[in-house]
Amino acid sequence: MPTEIKDIFGIRANSARSIQRLYKNRGLLSASKALDHVIEKSYSIADLDVAAEVWHDEIATTIGTIKIEKLRKLKHKIFIFDNFTETLDAD
């Protein structure tokens, strides 16, 4: 996922390796391990009438939807910031 951050944000983001190092230095799980951990822990609130595979797919879909919305909001903030700094530069 650090590679995905770099791909999405280009020059605004550190390298994927730097992002991974930052996670490690702060004692955080890697993005993929953290996602696996969230999905695993979500089984404690799972509907017992739903098969594990279906639950996994539902959680993964929900996380994906939230991620898309967060990215949209972040890109909008970057757009606003870029417009603001361009206005300052023009003056």
PDB file of N, CA and C in Angstrom:
ATOM      1  N   MET A   1       0.784  -1.183   0.000  1.00  0.00           N
ATOM      2  CA  MET A   1       0.000   0.000   0.000  1.00  0.00           C
ATOM      3  C   MET A   1       0.842   1.269   0.000  1.00  0.00           C
ATOM      4  N   PRO A   2       2.049   1.246   0.567  1.00  0.00           N
ATOM      5  CA  PRO A   2       2.913   2.415   0.388  1.00  0.00           C
ATOM      6  C   PRO A   2       3.185   2.706  -1.092  1.00  0.00           C
ATOM      7  N   THR A   3       3.274   1.664  -1.897  1.00  0.00           N
ATOM      8  CA  THR A   3       3.460   1.864  -3.333  1.00  0.00           C
ATOM      9  C   THR A   3       2.237   2.551  -3.919  1.00  0.00           C
ATOM     10  N   GLU A   4       1.078   2.173  -3.452  1.00  0.00           N
ATOM     11  CA  GLU A   4      -0.163   2.798  -3.915  1.00  0.00           C
ATOM     12  C   GLU A   4      -0.197   4.274  -3.523  1.00  0.00           C
ATOM     13  N   ILE A   5       0.249   4.603  -2.318  1.00  0.00           N
ATOM     14  CA  ILE A   5       0.304   6.002  -1.880  1.00  0.00           C
ATOM     15  C   ILE A   5       1.210   6.788  -2.817  1.00  0.00           C
ATOM     16  N   LYS A   6       2.371   6.230  -3.113  1.00  0.00           N
ATOM     17  CA  LYS A   6       3.309   6.902  -4.012  1.00  0.00           C
ATOM     18  C   LYS A   6       2.707   7.061  -5.403  1.00  0.00           C
ATOM     19  N   ASP A   7       2.037   6.040  -5.897  1.00  0.00           N
ATOM     20  CA  ASP A   7       1.419   6.100  -7.227  1.00  0.00           C
ATOM     21  C   ASP A   7       0.335   7.177  -7.284  1.00  0.00           C
ATOM     22  N   ILE A   8      -0.468   7.280  -6.249  1.00  0.00           N
ATOM     23  CA  ILE A   8      -1.581   8.220  -6.242  1.00  0.00           C
ATOM     24  C   ILE A   8      -1.097   9.658  -6.077  1.00  0.00           C
ATOM     25  N   PHE A   9      -0.164   9.880  -5.176  1.00  0.00           N
ATOM     26  CA  PHE A   9       0.220  11.245  -4.828  1.00  0.00           C
ATOM     27  C   PHE A   9       1.535  11.709  -5.433  1.00  0.00           C
ATOM     28  N   GLY A  10       2.188  10.822  -6.164  1.00  0.00           N
ATOM     29  CA  GLY A  10       3.374  11.213  -6.927  1.00  0.00           C
ATOM     30  C   GLY A  10       4.415  11.955  -6.114  1.00  0.00           C
ATOM     31  N   ILE A  11       4.802  13.145  -6.583  1.00  0.00           N
ATOM     32  CA  ILE A  11       5.898  13.892  -5.948  1.00  0.00           C
ATOM     33  C   ILE A  11       5.540  14.400  -4.557  1.00  0.00           C
ATOM     34  N   ARG A  12       4.267  14.406  -4.221  1.00  0.00           N
ATOM     35  CA  ARG A  12       3.857  14.857  -2.883  1.00  0.00           C
ATOM     36  C   ARG A  12       4.171  13.806  -1.817  1.00  0.00           C
ATOM     37  N   ALA A  13       4.349  12.578  -2.223  1.00  0.00           N
ATOM     38  CA  ALA A  13       4.556  11.482  -1.272  1.00  0.00           C
ATOM     39  C   ALA A  13       6.024  11.086  -1.216  1.00  0.00           C
ATOM     40  N   ASN A  14       6.405  10.571  -0.063  1.00  0.00           N
ATOM     41  CA  ASN A  14       7.731   9.969   0.055  1.00  0.00           C
ATOM     42  C   ASN A  14       7.755   8.701  -0.787  1.00  0.00           C
ATOM     43  N   SER A  15       8.917   8.135  -0.933  1.00  0.00           N
ATOM     44  CA  SER A  15       9.020   6.872  -1.665  1.00  0.00           C
ATOM     45  C   SER A  15       8.311   5.778  -0.871  1.00  0.00           C
ATOM     46  N   ALA A  16       7.929   4.722  -1.563  1.00  0.00           N
ATOM     47  CA  ALA A  16       7.262   3.600  -0.894  1.00  0.00           C
ATOM     48  C   ALA A  16       8.154   3.047   0.216  1.00  0.00           C
ATOM     49  N   ARG A  17       9.439   2.971  -0.055  1.00  0.00           N
ATOM     50  CA  ARG A  17      10.372   2.463   0.957  1.00  0.00           C
ATOM     51  C   ARG A  17      10.414   3.375   2.186  1.00  0.00           C
ATOM     52  N   SER A  18      10.392   4.683   1.975  1.00  0.00           N
ATOM     53  CA  SER A  18      10.385   5.627   3.099  1.00  0.00           C
ATOM     54  C   SER A  18       9.116   5.487   3.927  1.00  0.00           C
ATOM     55  N   ILE A  19       7.999   5.279   3.255  1.00  0.00           N
ATOM     56  CA  ILE A  19       6.735   5.101   3.960  1.00  0.00           C
ATOM     57  C   ILE A  19       6.781   3.824   4.796  1.00  0.00           C
ATOM     58  N   GLN A  20       7.310   2.737   4.222  1.00  0.00           N
ATOM     59  CA  GLN A  20       7.438   1.485   4.963  1.00  0.00           C
ATOM     60  C   GLN A  20       8.355   1.672   6.178  1.00  0.00           C
ATOM     61  N   ARG A  21       9.451   2.400   5.984  1.00  0.00           N
ATOM     62  CA  ARG A  21      10.393   2.647   7.083  1.00  0.00           C
ATOM     63  C   ARG A  21       9.721   3.471   8.181  1.00  0.00           C
ATOM     64  N   LEU A  22       8.907   4.445   7.791  1.00  0.00           N
ATOM     65  CA  LEU A  22       8.177   5.257   8.758  1.00  0.00           C
ATOM     66  C   LEU A  22       7.247   4.390   9.598  1.00  0.00           C
ATOM     67  N   TYR A  23       6.507   3.493   8.962  1.00  0.00           N
ATOM     68  CA  TYR A  23       5.644   2.562   9.690  1.00  0.00           C
ATOM     69  C   TYR A  23       6.472   1.765  10.692  1.00  0.00           C
ATOM     70  N   LYS A  24       7.584   1.219  10.226  1.00  0.00           N
ATOM     71  CA  LYS A  24       8.423   0.370  11.075  1.00  0.00           C
ATOM     72  C   LYS A  24       9.006   1.163  12.240  1.00  0.00           C
ATOM     73  N   ASN A  25       9.520   2.363  11.980  1.00  0.00           N
ATOM     74  CA  ASN A  25      10.130   3.185  13.027  1.00  0.00           C
ATOM     75  C   ASN A  25       9.128   3.610  14.094  1.00  0.00           C
ATOM     76  N   ARG A  26       7.880   3.729  13.704  1.00  0.00           N
ATOM     77  CA  ARG A  26       6.834   4.117  14.663  1.00  0.00           C
ATOM     78  C   ARG A  26       6.172   2.906  15.304  1.00  0.00           C
ATOM     79  N   GLY A  27       6.656   1.717  14.976  1.00  0.00           N
ATOM     80  CA  GLY A  27       6.118   0.497  15.568  1.00  0.00           C
ATOM     81  C   GLY A  27       4.744   0.126  15.037  1.00  0.00           C
ATOM     82  N   LEU A  28       4.428   0.585  13.838  1.00  0.00           N
ATOM     83  CA  LEU A  28       3.128   0.292  13.240  1.00  0.00           C
ATOM     84  C   LEU A  28       3.202  -0.951  12.367  1.00  0.00           C
ATOM     85  N   LEU A  29       2.069  -1.598  12.215  1.00  0.00           N
ATOM     86  CA  LEU A  29       1.992  -2.724  11.290  1.00  0.00           C
ATOM     87  C   LEU A  29       2.091  -2.206   9.862  1.00  0.00           C
ATOM     88  N   SER A  30       2.557  -3.053   8.975  1.00  0.00           N
ATOM     89  CA  SER A  30       2.513  -2.683   7.566  1.00  0.00           C
ATOM     90  C   SER A  30       1.048  -2.534   7.177  1.00  0.00           C
ATOM     91  N   ALA A  31       0.785  -1.817   6.114  1.00  0.00           N
ATOM     92  CA  ALA A  31      -0.595  -1.575   5.699  1.00  0.00           C
ATOM     93  C   ALA A  31      -1.336  -2.885   5.428  1.00  0.00           C
ATOM     94  N   SER A  32      -0.677  -3.820   4.773  1.00  0.00           N
ATOM     95  CA  SER A  32      -1.355  -5.086   4.463  1.00  0.00           C
ATOM     96  C   SER A  32      -1.613  -5.901   5.729  1.00  0.00           C
ATOM     97  N   LYS A  33      -0.670  -5.905   6.667  1.00  0.00           N
ATOM     98  CA  LYS A  33      -0.880  -6.627   7.924  1.00  0.00           C
ATOM     99  C   LYS A  33      -1.967  -5.958   8.756  1.00  0.00           C
ATOM    100  N   ALA A  34      -2.001  -4.633   8.742  1.00  0.00           N
ATOM    101  CA  ALA A  34      -3.033  -3.909   9.484  1.00  0.00           C
ATOM    102  C   ALA A  34      -4.414  -4.224   8.917  1.00  0.00           C
ATOM    103  N   LEU A  35      -4.518  -4.269   7.597  1.00  0.00           N
ATOM    104  CA  LEU A  35      -5.794  -4.610   6.965  1.00  0.00           C
ATOM    105  C   LEU A  35      -6.218  -6.031   7.347  1.00  0.00           C
ATOM    106  N   ASP A  36      -5.286  -6.954   7.281  1.00  0.00           N
ATOM    107  CA  ASP A  36      -5.580  -8.335   7.692  1.00  0.00           C
ATOM    108  C   ASP A  36      -6.040  -8.388   9.150  1.00  0.00           C
ATOM    109  N   HIS A  37      -5.387  -7.594  10.004  1.00  0.00           N
ATOM    110  CA  HIS A  37      -5.715  -7.552  11.428  1.00  0.00           C
ATOM    111  C   HIS A  37      -7.144  -7.022  11.638  1.00  0.00           C
ATOM    112  N   VAL A  38      -7.496  -5.954  10.933  1.00  0.00           N
ATOM    113  CA  VAL A  38      -8.846  -5.384  11.057  1.00  0.00           C
ATOM    114  C   VAL A  38      -9.889  -6.409  10.622  1.00  0.00           C
ATOM    115  N   ILE A  39      -9.630  -7.044   9.499  1.00  0.00           N
ATOM    116  CA  ILE A  39     -10.585  -8.048   9.007  1.00  0.00           C
ATOM    117  C   ILE A  39     -10.706  -9.200   9.998  1.00  0.00           C
ATOM    118  N   GLU A  40      -9.573  -9.659  10.524  1.00  0.00           N
ATOM    119  CA  GLU A  40      -9.596 -10.763  11.496  1.00  0.00           C
ATOM    120  C   GLU A  40     -10.371 -10.366  12.745  1.00  0.00           C
ATOM    121  N   LYS A  41     -10.127  -9.174  13.262  1.00  0.00           N
ATOM    122  CA  LYS A  41     -10.813  -8.722  14.476  1.00  0.00           C
ATOM    123  C   LYS A  41     -12.301  -8.486  14.232  1.00  0.00           C
ATOM    124  N   SER A  42     -12.667  -8.187  12.982  1.00  0.00           N
ATOM    125  CA  SER A  42     -14.074  -7.919  12.683  1.00  0.00           C
ATOM    126  C   SER A  42     -14.941  -9.160  12.861  1.00  0.00           C
ATOM    127  N   TYR A  43     -14.339 -10.335  12.850  1.00  0.00           N
ATOM    128  CA  TYR A  43     -15.117 -11.555  13.033  1.00  0.00           C
ATOM    129  C   TYR A  43     -15.777 -11.602  14.412  1.00  0.00           C
ATOM    130  N   SER A  44     -15.237 -10.837  15.377  1.00  0.00           N
ATOM    131  CA  SER A  44     -15.837 -10.835  16.711  1.00  0.00           C
ATOM    132  C   SER A  44     -17.205 -10.157  16.722  1.00  0.00           C
ATOM    133  N   ILE A  45     -17.494  -9.350  15.703  1.00  0.00           N
ATOM    134  CA  ILE A  45     -18.812  -8.712  15.619  1.00  0.00           C
ATOM    135  C   ILE A  45     -19.622  -9.254  14.438  1.00  0.00           C
ATOM    136  N   ALA A  46     -19.128 -10.308  13.832  1.00  0.00           N
ATOM    137  CA  ALA A  46     -19.776 -10.860  12.638  1.00  0.00           C
ATOM    138  C   ALA A  46     -21.137 -11.460  12.969  1.00  0.00           C
ATOM    139  N   ASP A  47     -21.993 -11.404  11.986  1.00  0.00           N
ATOM    140  CA  ASP A  47     -23.283 -12.074  12.072  1.00  0.00           C
ATOM    141  C   ASP A  47     -23.014 -13.575  11.969  1.00  0.00           C
ATOM    142  N   LEU A  48     -23.407 -14.318  12.978  1.00  0.00           N
ATOM    143  CA  LEU A  48     -23.103 -15.748  13.026  1.00  0.00           C
ATOM    144  C   LEU A  48     -23.822 -16.548  11.952  1.00  0.00           C
ATOM    145  N   ASP A  49     -24.852 -15.955  11.357  1.00  0.00           N
ATOM    146  CA  ASP A  49     -25.591 -16.636  10.298  1.00  0.00           C
ATOM    147  C   ASP A  49     -24.961 -16.439   8.924  1.00  0.00           C
ATOM    148  N   VAL A  50     -23.877 -15.659   8.863  1.00  0.00           N
ATOM    149  CA  VAL A  50     -23.221 -15.364   7.588  1.00  0.00           C
ATOM    150  C   VAL A  50     -21.922 -16.164   7.503  1.00  0.00           C
ATOM    151  N   ALA A  51     -21.688 -16.780   6.378  1.00  0.00           N
ATOM    152  CA  ALA A  51     -20.462 -17.561   6.178  1.00  0.00           C
ATOM    153  C   ALA A  51     -19.238 -16.646   6.276  1.00  0.00           C
ATOM    154  N   ALA A  52     -18.142 -17.199   6.764  1.00  0.00           N
ATOM    155  CA  ALA A  52     -16.915 -16.422   6.953  1.00  0.00           C
ATOM    156  C   ALA A  52     -16.456 -15.760   5.650  1.00  0.00           C
ATOM    157  N   GLU A  53     -16.574 -16.466   4.546  1.00  0.00           N
ATOM    158  CA  GLU A  53     -16.138 -15.917   3.257  1.00  0.00           C
ATOM    159  C   GLU A  53     -16.983 -14.708   2.860  1.00  0.00           C
ATOM    160  N   VAL A  54     -18.285 -14.810   3.119  1.00  0.00           N
ATOM    161  CA  VAL A  54     -19.197 -13.702   2.802  1.00  0.00           C
ATOM    162  C   VAL A  54     -18.875 -12.514   3.694  1.00  0.00           C
ATOM    163  N   TRP A  55     -18.640 -12.777   4.980  1.00  0.00           N
ATOM    164  CA  TRP A  55     -18.295 -11.704   5.917  1.00  0.00           C
ATOM    165  C   TRP A  55     -17.006 -11.019   5.476  1.00  0.00           C
ATOM    166  N   HIS A  56     -16.019 -11.805   5.136  1.00  0.00           N
ATOM    167  CA  HIS A  56     -14.735 -11.255   4.689  1.00  0.00           C
ATOM    168  C   HIS A  56     -14.942 -10.333   3.493  1.00  0.00           C
ATOM    169  N   ASP A  57     -15.731 -10.792   2.529  1.00  0.00           N
ATOM    170  CA  ASP A  57     -15.986  -9.982   1.339  1.00  0.00           C
ATOM    171  C   ASP A  57     -16.714  -8.691   1.685  1.00  0.00           C
ATOM    172  N   GLU A  58     -17.682  -8.780   2.608  1.00  0.00           N
ATOM    173  CA  GLU A  58     -18.428  -7.585   3.022  1.00  0.00           C
ATOM    174  C   GLU A  58     -17.511  -6.566   3.700  1.00  0.00           C
ATOM    175  N   ILE A  59     -16.667  -7.043   4.603  1.00  0.00           N
ATOM    176  CA  ILE A  59     -15.744  -6.149   5.307  1.00  0.00           C
ATOM    177  C   ILE A  59     -14.756  -5.539   4.321  1.00  0.00           C
ATOM    178  N   ALA A  60     -14.191  -6.343   3.445  1.00  0.00           N
ATOM    179  CA  ALA A  60     -13.231  -5.836   2.458  1.00  0.00           C
ATOM    180  C   ALA A  60     -13.883  -4.790   1.552  1.00  0.00           C
ATOM    181  N   THR A  61     -15.130  -5.031   1.151  1.00  0.00           N
ATOM    182  CA  THR A  61     -15.852  -4.079   0.315  1.00  0.00           C
ATOM    183  C   THR A  61     -16.105  -2.779   1.078  1.00  0.00           C
ATOM    184  N   THR A  62     -16.502  -2.894   2.326  1.00  0.00           N
ATOM    185  CA  THR A  62     -16.756  -1.708   3.145  1.00  0.00           C
ATOM    186  C   THR A  62     -15.484  -0.895   3.328  1.00  0.00           C
ATOM    187  N   ILE A  63     -14.388  -1.561   3.625  1.00  0.00           N
ATOM    188  CA  ILE A  63     -13.106  -0.873   3.790  1.00  0.00           C
ATOM    189  C   ILE A  63     -12.709  -0.197   2.473  1.00  0.00           C
ATOM    190  N   GLY A  64     -12.906  -0.874   1.371  1.00  0.00           N
ATOM    191  CA  GLY A  64     -12.600  -0.296   0.064  1.00  0.00           C
ATOM    192  C   GLY A  64     -13.428   0.940  -0.224  1.00  0.00           C
ATOM    193  N   THR A  65     -14.702   0.897   0.123  1.00  0.00           N
ATOM    194  CA  THR A  65     -15.584   2.051  -0.081  1.00  0.00           C
ATOM    195  C   THR A  65     -15.139   3.235   0.772  1.00  0.00           C
ATOM    196  N   ILE A  66     -14.805   2.969   2.019  1.00  0.00           N
ATOM    197  CA  ILE A  66     -14.324   4.027   2.914  1.00  0.00           C
ATOM    198  C   ILE A  66     -13.018   4.612   2.383  1.00  0.00           C
ATOM    199  N   LYS A  67     -12.148   3.753   1.906  1.00  0.00           N
ATOM    200  CA  LYS A  67     -10.856   4.196   1.369  1.00  0.00           C
ATOM    201  C   LYS A  67     -11.055   5.126   0.175  1.00  0.00           C
ATOM    202  N   ILE A  68     -11.949   4.753  -0.716  1.00  0.00           N
ATOM    203  CA  ILE A  68     -12.215   5.581  -1.894  1.00  0.00           C
ATOM    204  C   ILE A  68     -12.733   6.956  -1.475  1.00  0.00           C
ATOM    205  N   GLU A  69     -13.633   6.989  -0.511  1.00  0.00           N
ATOM    206  CA  GLU A  69     -14.181   8.262  -0.047  1.00  0.00           C
ATOM    207  C   GLU A  69     -13.099   9.115   0.625  1.00  0.00           C
ATOM    208  N   LYS A  70     -12.251   8.490   1.442  1.00  0.00           N
ATOM    209  CA  LYS A  70     -11.160   9.224   2.095  1.00  0.00           C
ATOM    210  C   LYS A  70     -10.192   9.791   1.061  1.00  0.00           C
ATOM    211  N   LEU A  71      -9.872   9.001   0.042  1.00  0.00           N
ATOM    212  CA  LEU A  71      -8.988   9.480  -1.020  1.00  0.00           C
ATOM    213  C   LEU A  71      -9.612  10.649  -1.773  1.00  0.00           C
ATOM    214  N   ARG A  72     -10.902  10.561  -2.034  1.00  0.00           N
ATOM    215  CA  ARG A  72     -11.590  11.648  -2.726  1.00  0.00           C
ATOM    216  C   ARG A  72     -11.500  12.940  -1.920  1.00  0.00           C
ATOM    217  N   LYS A  73     -11.750  12.844  -0.618  1.00  0.00           N
ATOM    218  CA  LYS A  73     -11.680  14.022   0.243  1.00  0.00           C
ATOM    219  C   LYS A  73     -10.261  14.584   0.311  1.00  0.00           C
ATOM    220  N   LEU A  74      -9.283  13.703   0.411  1.00  0.00           N
ATOM    221  CA  LEU A  74      -7.894  14.141   0.477  1.00  0.00           C
ATOM    222  C   LEU A  74      -7.467  14.824  -0.823  1.00  0.00           C
ATOM    223  N   LYS A  75      -7.851  14.250  -1.950  1.00  0.00           N
ATOM    224  CA  LYS A  75      -7.525  14.868  -3.241  1.00  0.00           C
ATOM    225  C   LYS A  75      -8.187  16.231  -3.378  1.00  0.00           C
ATOM    226  N   HIS A  76      -9.393  16.371  -2.853  1.00  0.00           N
ATOM    227  CA  HIS A  76     -10.081  17.661  -2.897  1.00  0.00           C
ATOM    228  C   HIS A  76      -9.324  18.695  -2.056  1.00  0.00           C
ATOM    229  N   LYS A  77      -8.851  18.278  -0.877  1.00  0.00           N
ATOM    230  CA  LYS A  77      -8.075  19.188  -0.031  1.00  0.00           C
ATOM    231  C   LYS A  77      -6.784  19.602  -0.723  1.00  0.00           C
ATOM    232  N   ILE A  78      -6.143  18.676  -1.400  1.00  0.00           N
ATOM    233  CA  ILE A  78      -4.924  18.999  -2.140  1.00  0.00           C
ATOM    234  C   ILE A  78      -5.233  19.987  -3.256  1.00  0.00           C
ATOM    235  N   PHE A  79      -6.349  19.779  -3.952  1.00  0.00           N
ATOM    236  CA  PHE A  79      -6.779  20.687  -5.011  1.00  0.00           C
ATOM    237  C   PHE A  79      -6.984  22.099  -4.451  1.00  0.00           C
ATOM    238  N   ILE A  80      -7.658  22.202  -3.314  1.00  0.00           N
ATOM    239  CA  ILE A  80      -7.877  23.510  -2.685  1.00  0.00           C
ATOM    240  C   ILE A  80      -6.544  24.142  -2.298  1.00  0.00           C
ATOM    241  N   PHE A  81      -5.649  23.353  -1.721  1.00  0.00           N
ATOM    242  CA  PHE A  81      -4.338  23.862  -1.328  1.00  0.00           C
ATOM    243  C   PHE A  81      -3.565  24.359  -2.543  1.00  0.00           C
ATOM    244  N   ASP A  82      -3.586  23.580  -3.624  1.00  0.00           N
ATOM    245  CA  ASP A  82      -2.883  23.990  -4.849  1.00  0.00           C
ATOM    246  C   ASP A  82      -3.432  25.303  -5.380  1.00  0.00           C
ATOM    247  N   ASN A  83      -4.749  25.439  -5.402  1.00  0.00           N
ATOM    248  CA  ASN A  83      -5.352  26.682  -5.873  1.00  0.00           C
ATOM    249  C   ASN A  83      -4.984  27.856  -4.978  1.00  0.00           C
ATOM    250  N   PHE A  84      -4.951  27.619  -3.678  1.00  0.00           N
ATOM    251  CA  PHE A  84      -4.583  28.661  -2.732  1.00  0.00           C
ATOM    252  C   PHE A  84      -3.137  29.109  -2.938  1.00  0.00           C
ATOM    253  N   THR A  85      -2.221  28.126  -3.053  1.00  0.00           N
ATOM    254  CA  THR A  85      -0.820  28.500  -3.226  1.00  0.00           C
ATOM    255  C   THR A  85      -0.577  29.149  -4.582  1.00  0.00           C
ATOM    256  N   GLU A  86      -1.305  28.742  -5.623  1.00  0.00           N
ATOM    257  CA  GLU A  86      -1.174  29.403  -6.925  1.00  0.00           C
ATOM    258  C   GLU A  86      -1.637  30.850  -6.847  1.00  0.00           C
ATOM    259  N   THR A  87      -2.693  31.101  -6.074  1.00  0.00           N
ATOM    260  CA  THR A  87      -3.177  32.460  -5.881  1.00  0.00           C
ATOM    261  C   THR A  87      -2.132  33.285  -5.174  1.00  0.00           C
ATOM    262  N   LEU A  88      -1.484  32.725  -4.161  1.00  0.00           N
ATOM    263  CA  LEU A  88      -0.436  33.443  -3.442  1.00  0.00           C
ATOM    264  C   LEU A  88       0.752  33.725  -4.347  1.00  0.00           C
ATOM    265  N   ASP A  89       1.105  32.749  -5.178  1.00  0.00           N
ATOM    266  CA  ASP A  89       2.225  32.919  -6.083  1.00  0.00           C
ATOM    267  C   ASP A  89       1.950  33.980  -7.136  1.00  0.00           C
ATOM    268  N   ALA A  90       0.678  34.106  -7.535  1.00  0.00           N
ATOM    269  CA  ALA A  90       0.303  35.070  -8.560  1.00  0.00           C
ATOM    270  C   ALA A  90       0.388  36.505  -8.046  1.00  0.00           C
ATOM    271  N   ASP A  91       0.252  36.669  -6.732  1.00  0.00           N
ATOM    272  CA  ASP A  91       0.272  38.020  -6.161  1.00  0.00           C
ATOM    273  C   ASP A  91       1.644  38.549  -6.031  1.00  0.00           C
TER     274      ASP A  91
END
